[in-house]
Amino acid sequence: MISDNLTRKLLGKSITDLDDNLIAFIKYEISEYSGLIDELLNALNSNMKEEDFSLSLNGATNIFSYPEFNDVLKAKSFLNMLEKKETIADIIKSKGIQKDNLNIIIGSDNDCELAQDCSIVTATYNVDRDLVGRISFIGPTRMDYARIYSIINYMSLLINRK
């Protein structure tokens, strides 16, 4: 399992211990999410702190591999929603089911009508107890919650560790 391998390699390390070898290992273990990891690690590495927020989307076209998005109009609506930075920010900040340090919003519990065929799993990361970012996964309501939970939770724990 991805989280077991990452735990063995990264347990006890802080975010400042990230070097090229550790970054390469993380990319190898979670290659499906390498675009997301690149964005995240680059932002952390440069200590990016802005009053405004930045939004990075990766893997949006993966949604087409799910039958519920074979409908062209539904898929187009979903992609249009992803282009609206404020809408995505509002969805990610919405409250849902709280489990550990994650927020899970399932289907029709989404306030945004365009996202009601989706579920969102979000974790926050902090520096000195100040919220500096969120990492989220937006996918179909029938996604593999255990897998997504494990990945997002582990990434959150890794980022928040000092």
Protein backbone atom coordinates (compact mmCIF):
# COMPACT_ATOMS: atom_id res chain seq x y z
CA MET A 1 0.00 0.00 0.00
CA ILE A 2 1.22 3.49 -0.83
CA SER A 3 0.81 4.87 2.67
CA ASP A 4 2.82 2.00 4.23
CA ASN A 5 5.76 2.58 1.89
CA LEU A 6 5.63 6.32 2.42
CA THR A 7 5.37 5.92 6.19
CA ARG A 8 8.44 3.67 6.32
CA LYS A 9 10.49 6.12 4.25
CA LEU A 10 9.25 9.40 5.71
CA LEU A 11 8.40 8.70 9.36
CA GLY A 12 10.20 11.15 11.64
CA LYS A 13 11.15 13.51 8.83
CA SER A 14 10.07 17.13 8.81
CA ILE A 15 9.10 19.22 5.80
CA THR A 16 12.56 20.79 5.92
CA ASP A 17 14.10 17.32 5.40
CA LEU A 18 12.60 17.11 1.92
CA ASP A 19 15.45 16.79 -0.54
CA ASP A 20 15.66 15.66 -4.15
CA ASN A 21 15.86 11.97 -3.16
CA LEU A 22 12.77 12.13 -0.95
CA ILE A 23 10.85 14.10 -3.55
CA ALA A 24 11.79 11.50 -6.20
CA PHE A 25 10.65 8.70 -3.89
CA ILE A 26 7.30 10.40 -3.23
CA LYS A 27 6.78 10.94 -6.97
CA TYR A 28 7.53 7.31 -7.67
CA GLU A 29 5.13 6.04 -5.00
CA ILE A 30 2.27 8.30 -6.03
CA SER A 31 3.03 8.65 -9.74
CA GLU A 32 -0.65 8.98 -10.59
CA TYR A 33 -0.66 12.22 -8.60
CA SER A 34 2.75 13.53 -9.67
CA GLY A 35 1.34 16.75 -11.14
CA LEU A 36 -0.39 17.57 -7.88
CA ILE A 37 2.71 16.69 -5.85
CA ASP A 38 4.91 18.91 -8.06
CA GLU A 39 2.62 21.87 -7.48
CA LEU A 40 2.39 21.22 -3.75
CA LEU A 41 6.09 20.70 -3.14
CA ASN A 42 7.08 23.69 -5.26
CA ALA A 43 4.67 25.91 -3.33
CA LEU A 44 5.99 24.66 0.01
CA ASN A 45 9.60 24.83 -1.10
CA SER A 46 9.33 28.49 -2.10
CA ASN A 47 7.37 29.32 1.09
CA MET A 48 4.64 30.82 -1.01
CA LYS A 49 2.43 32.98 1.19
CA GLU A 50 -0.13 35.19 -0.44
CA GLU A 51 -3.10 37.09 0.89
CA ASP A 52 -5.00 35.96 -2.18
CA PHE A 53 -5.28 32.28 -2.91
CA SER A 54 -3.93 30.35 -5.82
CA LEU A 55 -5.62 27.33 -7.27
CA SER A 56 -3.98 24.45 -9.06
CA LEU A 57 -6.05 21.82 -10.83
CA ASN A 58 -4.60 18.55 -12.03
CA GLY A 59 -6.20 15.49 -13.57
CA ALA A 60 -9.52 17.14 -14.44
CA THR A 61 -9.86 15.08 -17.61
CA ASN A 62 -9.71 11.86 -15.55
CA ILE A 63 -13.38 12.49 -14.80
CA PHE A 64 -14.18 11.27 -18.33
CA SER A 65 -13.22 7.73 -17.33
CA TYR A 66 -16.35 7.54 -15.16
CA PRO A 67 -19.62 6.56 -16.90
CA GLU A 68 -21.66 9.25 -15.15
CA PHE A 69 -19.63 11.86 -17.04
CA ASN A 70 -20.10 10.30 -20.50
CA ASP A 71 -22.94 12.79 -20.97
CA VAL A 72 -21.26 15.65 -22.83
CA LEU A 73 -23.41 18.34 -21.18
CA LYS A 74 -22.71 17.00 -17.69
CA ALA A 75 -18.97 16.79 -18.38
CA LYS A 76 -18.97 20.30 -19.88
CA SER A 77 -20.78 21.69 -16.82
CA PHE A 78 -18.25 20.03 -14.54
CA LEU A 79 -15.28 21.44 -16.47
CA ASN A 80 -16.89 24.90 -16.56
CA MET A 81 -17.30 24.73 -12.78
CA LEU A 82 -13.59 23.91 -12.42
CA GLU A 83 -12.72 27.07 -14.35
CA LYS A 84 -14.48 29.26 -11.75
CA LYS A 85 -11.85 29.89 -9.08
CA GLU A 86 -14.28 31.41 -6.57
CA THR A 87 -16.77 28.54 -6.97
CA ILE A 88 -14.08 25.93 -6.35
CA ALA A 89 -12.81 27.89 -3.33
CA ASP A 90 -16.33 28.02 -1.88
CA ILE A 91 -16.87 24.29 -2.46
CA ILE A 92 -13.54 23.38 -0.86
CA LYS A 93 -14.25 25.61 2.16
CA SER A 94 -17.75 24.14 2.69
CA LYS A 95 -18.37 22.04 5.77
CA GLY A 96 -19.16 18.36 5.43
CA ILE A 97 -18.45 15.21 7.38
CA GLN A 98 -15.41 15.72 9.62
CA LYS A 99 -13.13 12.69 10.00
CA ASP A 100 -9.72 13.14 11.58
CA ASN A 101 -8.38 16.29 9.93
CA LEU A 102 -10.36 15.79 6.72
CA ASN A 103 -13.58 17.31 5.47
CA ILE A 104 -15.70 15.07 3.25
CA ILE A 105 -18.64 16.39 1.23
CA ILE A 106 -20.68 13.77 -0.58
CA GLY A 107 -22.88 14.39 -3.61
CA SER A 108 -26.08 16.28 -2.88
CA ASP A 109 -24.57 17.67 0.35
CA ASN A 110 -22.66 20.08 -1.90
CA ASP A 111 -24.13 23.57 -1.85
CA CYS A 112 -23.00 24.08 -5.44
CA GLU A 113 -25.54 22.52 -7.79
CA LEU A 114 -22.85 21.81 -10.41
CA ALA A 115 -20.91 19.70 -7.88
CA GLN A 116 -23.79 17.56 -6.67
CA ASP A 117 -22.66 14.59 -8.77
CA CYS A 118 -19.26 14.80 -7.08
CA SER A 119 -17.69 14.29 -3.71
CA ILE A 120 -14.87 16.35 -2.27
CA VAL A 121 -12.25 15.24 0.26
CA THR A 122 -10.25 18.15 1.68
CA ALA A 123 -7.40 18.49 4.17
CA THR A 124 -5.86 21.70 5.43
CA TYR A 125 -2.24 22.40 6.10
CA ASN A 126 -0.86 24.89 8.55
CA VAL A 127 2.34 26.71 9.40
CA ASP A 128 2.62 27.76 13.04
CA ARG A 129 -1.10 27.00 13.46
CA ASP A 130 -2.00 29.38 10.62
CA LEU A 131 -3.98 27.92 7.73
CA VAL A 132 -1.83 28.25 4.62
CA GLY A 133 -3.54 25.90 2.23
CA ARG A 134 -5.85 23.08 1.38
CA ILE A 135 -5.45 19.98 -0.69
CA SER A 136 -8.60 18.49 -2.16
CA PHE A 137 -9.73 15.65 -4.35
CA ILE A 138 -12.90 16.16 -6.38
CA GLY A 139 -14.33 13.04 -7.94
CA PRO A 140 -17.54 11.15 -8.66
CA THR A 141 -19.70 10.19 -5.70
CA ARG A 142 -18.88 6.52 -6.30
CA MET A 143 -15.14 7.06 -5.92
CA ASP A 144 -12.94 4.80 -3.76
CA TYR A 145 -13.27 6.81 -0.53
CA ALA A 146 -10.87 4.63 1.46
CA ARG A 147 -8.11 5.10 -1.11
CA ILE A 148 -8.65 8.86 -1.48
CA TYR A 149 -8.97 9.29 2.28
CA SER A 150 -5.68 7.45 2.81
CA ILE A 151 -3.81 9.51 0.22
CA ILE A 152 -5.16 12.93 1.28
CA ASN A 153 -4.76 12.14 4.99
CA TYR A 154 -1.18 10.98 4.54
CA MET A 155 -0.23 14.01 2.44
CA SER A 156 -1.80 16.28 5.06
CA LEU A 157 0.11 14.58 7.88
CA LEU A 158 3.34 14.85 5.92
CA ILE A 159 2.84 18.53 5.15
CA ASN A 160 1.75 19.48 8.67
CA ARG A 161 4.63 17.64 10.35
CA LYS A 162 7.48 19.90 11.44
